[in-house]
Amino acid sequence: MIDFSRGIVVIPTLNERVNSGVLIPDIFDLMPDISILIVDDASTDGTPELVDSLREKFKNLYLLERKSNFGYGRSSIDGFRWVLGRQYKFLVTMDADFSHDPRAIPEMIRYIETHDAVVGSRYTKGGGVRNWHLFRRLLSKAANAYVRIILRLPITDVTTGFNAYRADVLKRVRLDEVQSDGYAFLVELKFRLYQAGCRFAECPIIFSERREGKSKMSGKIIWESIWLPWKLL
């Protein structure tokens, strides 16, 4: 029996009011005892206000508002620090846009009972993607192969943002030394954890295109992802 009260879901947000208003209740419907931390990068669409209103109903919902140094990687690290300053035993990271199915969280947490980190993998047996055209599928697989070959990581889905970690394993990494953002942050963190002796498992997931809002992908993020593996060697 999983004790969900020992865990927390960390969700970075930037203008995700519509999605957050559905995702947060969905997670608590599945796991009433788990906690959720929304790490918001100064959204202008009312995301923080929505979270504040939901906190009246969900006592395990927390909001961390960031005012500077924006970006997915910085947001994630601030969220990690917030969690590590409390008594949680494990945490799950996911996106707010429903590309990550919250119904996969309990299975990922089961994996974390015997591993240090769990990767929600699109490319292990049983995983997959929905609503992607062929070029995007090929590009994603090529990017993962590129990173794996250079860094020699035993993980099929290095760029996934749907992950679970034991809280204590994050203490093995000097978070203040992680400099990358976007997908590159996801690669760098996994690489640093692997170097620190982290035991990984891969849990198959089905990844879907976001429901609402705009993608945060940019040319800067893509170039950072291309050059990062060589910088880590």
Protein backbone atom coordinates (compact mmCIF):
# COMPACT_ATOMS: atom_id res chain seq x y z
CA MET A 1 0.00 0.00 0.00
CA ILE A 2 1.50 3.30 -1.10
CA ASP A 3 1.54 6.10 1.45
CA PHE A 4 0.84 9.03 -0.86
CA SER A 5 1.10 11.48 2.03
CA ARG A 6 4.88 11.05 1.83
CA GLY A 7 4.98 12.45 -1.70
CA ILE A 8 4.47 15.64 -3.65
CA VAL A 9 3.89 16.49 -7.32
CA VAL A 10 5.91 19.46 -8.57
CA ILE A 11 4.40 21.28 -11.55
CA PRO A 12 6.16 24.30 -13.12
CA THR A 13 3.66 26.67 -14.77
CA LEU A 14 3.67 29.62 -17.13
CA ASN A 15 0.20 30.75 -18.20
CA GLU A 16 -1.48 27.39 -17.55
CA ARG A 17 -4.65 28.58 -15.83
CA VAL A 18 -7.10 26.52 -17.90
CA ASN A 19 -5.12 23.28 -17.71
CA SER A 20 -4.24 23.72 -14.02
CA GLY A 21 -7.89 24.19 -13.13
CA VAL A 22 -8.59 20.66 -14.38
CA LEU A 23 -5.31 18.90 -13.61
CA ILE A 24 -5.10 19.78 -9.92
CA PRO A 25 -8.55 18.36 -9.02
CA ASP A 26 -7.83 15.31 -11.19
CA ILE A 27 -4.65 14.53 -9.23
CA PHE A 28 -6.38 14.92 -5.87
CA ASP A 29 -9.28 12.76 -7.06
CA LEU A 30 -6.77 9.99 -7.80
CA MET A 31 -4.60 10.51 -4.71
CA PRO A 32 -6.31 12.61 -2.01
CA ASP A 33 -3.36 12.33 0.40
CA ILE A 34 -0.62 13.49 -1.96
CA SER A 35 0.61 17.10 -2.05
CA ILE A 36 0.99 19.37 -5.08
CA LEU A 37 3.40 22.27 -5.49
CA ILE A 38 2.72 24.71 -8.33
CA VAL A 39 5.88 26.64 -9.19
CA ASP A 40 4.72 29.62 -11.21
CA ASP A 41 6.88 31.92 -13.33
CA ALA A 42 4.87 35.15 -13.05
CA SER A 43 1.94 33.99 -15.17
CA THR A 44 -0.24 36.79 -16.49
CA ASP A 45 -3.32 34.68 -17.23
CA GLY A 46 -4.44 34.25 -13.61
CA THR A 47 -2.74 30.94 -12.85
CA PRO A 48 -1.55 32.00 -9.35
CA GLU A 49 -4.98 33.39 -8.49
CA LEU A 50 -6.63 30.15 -9.59
CA VAL A 51 -4.26 28.08 -7.46
CA ASP A 52 -4.93 30.31 -4.47
CA SER A 53 -8.68 29.79 -4.88
CA LEU A 54 -8.24 26.00 -5.11
CA ARG A 55 -6.23 25.97 -1.89
CA GLU A 56 -9.44 26.61 0.02
CA LYS A 57 -10.62 23.15 -1.05
CA PHE A 58 -7.30 21.29 -1.27
CA LYS A 59 -5.22 21.73 1.88
CA ASN A 60 -2.23 19.89 0.41
CA LEU A 61 -1.92 22.35 -2.50
CA TYR A 62 0.95 24.84 -2.37
CA LEU A 63 2.05 27.73 -4.56
CA LEU A 64 5.59 29.00 -5.07
CA GLU A 65 5.58 32.25 -7.04
CA ARG A 66 8.85 33.18 -8.74
CA LYS A 67 9.60 36.79 -9.61
CA SER A 68 12.89 36.52 -11.54
CA ASN A 69 15.41 34.20 -13.25
CA PHE A 70 12.60 32.55 -15.19
CA GLY A 71 12.80 29.26 -17.08
CA TYR A 72 11.84 25.62 -16.74
CA GLY A 73 15.15 24.54 -15.24
CA ARG A 74 15.34 27.37 -12.70
CA SER A 75 11.70 26.80 -11.79
CA SER A 76 12.27 23.08 -11.26
CA ILE A 77 15.32 23.65 -9.07
CA ASP A 78 13.46 26.16 -6.88
CA GLY A 79 10.68 23.60 -6.57
CA PHE A 80 13.20 20.92 -5.55
CA ARG A 81 14.68 23.18 -2.89
CA TRP A 82 11.21 23.90 -1.51
CA VAL A 83 10.51 20.16 -1.27
CA LEU A 84 13.89 19.28 0.24
CA GLY A 85 13.27 21.79 3.01
CA ARG A 86 10.33 19.67 4.17
CA GLN A 87 9.70 16.05 5.16
CA TYR A 88 8.65 14.53 1.83
CA LYS A 89 10.18 11.18 0.86
CA PHE A 90 9.57 11.34 -2.89
CA LEU A 91 8.47 13.78 -5.56
CA VAL A 92 7.03 13.58 -9.05
CA THR A 93 7.65 16.16 -11.76
CA MET A 94 5.19 16.68 -14.60
CA ASP A 95 3.85 19.29 -17.00
CA ALA A 96 0.58 21.12 -16.47
CA ASP A 97 -0.70 20.69 -20.02
CA PHE A 98 -1.98 17.08 -19.81
CA SER A 99 0.81 15.76 -22.03
CA HIS A 100 1.58 13.70 -18.92
CA ASP A 101 -1.32 11.57 -17.73
CA PRO A 102 -1.75 11.84 -13.93
CA ARG A 103 -3.13 8.29 -13.90
CA ALA A 104 0.44 7.08 -14.43
CA ILE A 105 1.66 8.60 -11.16
CA PRO A 106 0.74 5.70 -8.83
CA GLU A 107 2.64 3.22 -11.01
CA MET A 108 5.68 5.50 -11.13
CA ILE A 109 5.61 5.74 -7.34
CA ARG A 110 5.56 1.95 -7.08
CA TYR A 111 8.77 1.88 -9.10
CA ILE A 112 10.36 4.43 -6.76
CA GLU A 113 10.04 1.96 -3.89
CA THR A 114 12.95 -0.03 -5.34
CA HIS A 115 14.83 2.64 -7.33
CA ASP A 116 16.27 6.11 -6.80
CA ALA A 117 14.61 7.70 -9.83
CA VAL A 118 11.89 6.71 -12.27
CA VAL A 119 11.66 7.94 -15.83
CA GLY A 120 8.21 8.17 -17.38
CA SER A 121 9.32 6.75 -20.70
CA ARG A 122 7.70 7.08 -24.12
CA TYR A 123 10.25 4.75 -25.68
CA THR A 124 10.41 1.74 -23.42
CA LYS A 125 8.12 -1.25 -24.06
CA GLY A 126 4.52 -0.24 -23.47
CA GLY A 127 5.17 3.50 -23.89
CA GLY A 128 4.25 5.74 -26.80
CA VAL A 129 3.03 9.09 -28.07
CA ARG A 130 -0.31 10.35 -29.37
CA ASN A 131 -1.21 13.12 -31.80
CA TRP A 132 2.32 13.63 -33.12
CA HIS A 133 3.11 13.76 -36.82
CA LEU A 134 5.84 11.50 -38.17
CA PHE A 135 8.55 14.18 -38.34
CA ARG A 136 8.15 15.06 -34.66
CA ARG A 137 8.31 11.38 -33.67
CA LEU A 138 11.50 10.89 -35.63
CA LEU A 139 13.03 14.10 -34.27
CA SER A 140 12.31 13.11 -30.66
CA LYS A 141 13.74 9.63 -31.08
CA ALA A 142 16.83 11.01 -32.83
CA ALA A 143 17.38 13.55 -30.05
CA ASN A 144 17.21 10.85 -27.40
CA ALA A 145 19.58 8.59 -29.33
CA TYR A 146 22.01 11.52 -29.81
CA VAL A 147 22.11 12.24 -26.07
CA ARG A 148 22.35 8.58 -25.03
CA ILE A 149 25.26 7.88 -27.35
CA ILE A 150 27.28 10.92 -26.26
CA LEU A 151 26.61 10.63 -22.52
CA ARG A 152 26.30 6.81 -22.43
CA LEU A 153 23.14 6.96 -20.38
CA PRO A 154 21.21 3.68 -19.92
CA ILE A 155 17.87 5.46 -20.36
CA THR A 156 15.70 5.29 -23.48
CA ASP A 157 13.83 8.55 -22.82
CA VAL A 158 16.36 11.08 -21.55
CA THR A 159 14.29 14.17 -22.44
CA THR A 160 11.08 13.25 -20.62
CA GLY A 161 9.82 15.68 -17.99
CA PHE A 162 7.58 13.11 -16.31
CA ASN A 163 9.84 11.72 -13.58
CA ALA A 164 9.83 10.56 -9.97
CA TYR A 165 12.69 10.89 -7.51
CA ARG A 166 13.47 9.90 -3.97
CA ALA A 167 13.95 13.18 -2.17
CA ASP A 168 17.27 12.11 -0.69
CA VAL A 169 18.76 11.27 -4.09
CA LEU A 170 18.42 14.89 -5.21
CA LYS A 171 20.72 15.82 -2.35
CA ARG A 172 23.52 13.97 -4.13
CA VAL A 173 23.50 16.62 -6.85
CA ARG A 174 24.70 20.20 -6.38
CA LEU A 175 21.60 21.87 -7.73
CA ASP A 176 23.28 25.28 -7.82
CA GLU A 177 25.72 23.91 -10.43
CA VAL A 178 22.94 22.92 -12.86
CA GLN A 179 22.85 25.73 -15.42
CA SER A 180 20.74 24.48 -18.32
CA ASP A 181 17.07 25.04 -18.99
CA GLY A 182 14.27 23.46 -21.03
CA TYR A 183 14.86 19.93 -22.30
CA ALA A 184 18.57 20.41 -21.66
CA PHE A 185 17.84 20.71 -17.94
CA LEU A 186 16.08 17.33 -18.01
CA VAL A 187 19.12 15.76 -19.65
CA GLU A 188 21.64 17.43 -17.35
CA LEU A 189 19.82 16.42 -14.18
CA LYS A 190 19.59 12.78 -15.25
CA PHE A 191 23.27 12.77 -16.23
CA ARG A 192 24.35 14.24 -12.88
CA LEU A 193 22.19 11.74 -10.99
CA TYR A 194 23.63 8.88 -13.03
CA GLN A 195 27.17 10.06 -12.25
CA ALA A 196 26.19 10.12 -8.56
CA GLY A 197 25.25 6.42 -8.72
CA CYS A 198 21.51 6.85 -9.02
CA ARG A 199 19.54 3.65 -9.79
CA PHE A 200 17.07 4.38 -12.62
CA ALA A 201 13.93 2.58 -13.68
CA GLU A 202 11.73 3.29 -16.69
CA CYS A 203 7.97 3.24 -16.41
CA PRO A 204 6.09 3.21 -19.73
CA ILE A 205 3.82 6.18 -20.33
CA ILE A 206 1.67 7.46 -23.17
CA PHE A 207 2.54 11.05 -24.03
CA SER A 208 -0.18 13.23 -25.57
CA GLU A 209 -0.05 16.65 -27.20
CA ARG A 210 -1.03 19.51 -24.86
CA ARG A 211 -4.76 20.20 -24.53
CA GLU A 212 -4.73 24.00 -24.22
CA GLY A 213 -2.26 26.86 -24.52
CA LYS A 214 0.98 27.36 -26.42
CA SER A 215 4.15 25.29 -26.36
CA LYS A 216 7.11 26.85 -24.51
CA MET A 217 9.60 25.44 -27.07
CA SER A 218 11.99 27.98 -28.62
CA GLY A 219 15.08 28.08 -30.80
CA LYS A 220 17.22 28.85 -27.76
CA ILE A 221 16.00 25.71 -25.99
CA ILE A 222 16.70 23.57 -29.06
CA TRP A 223 20.27 24.87 -29.46
CA GLU A 224 20.95 24.44 -25.76
CA SER A 225 19.86 20.81 -26.03
CA ILE A 226 22.21 20.21 -28.97
CA TRP A 227 25.32 21.59 -27.26
CA LEU A 228 24.69 20.44 -23.70
CA PRO A 229 25.90 16.81 -23.96
CA TRP A 230 29.32 17.98 -25.13
CA LYS A 231 29.57 20.49 -22.29
CA LEU A 232 28.87 17.76 -19.73
CA LEU A 233 31.72 15.51 -20.86
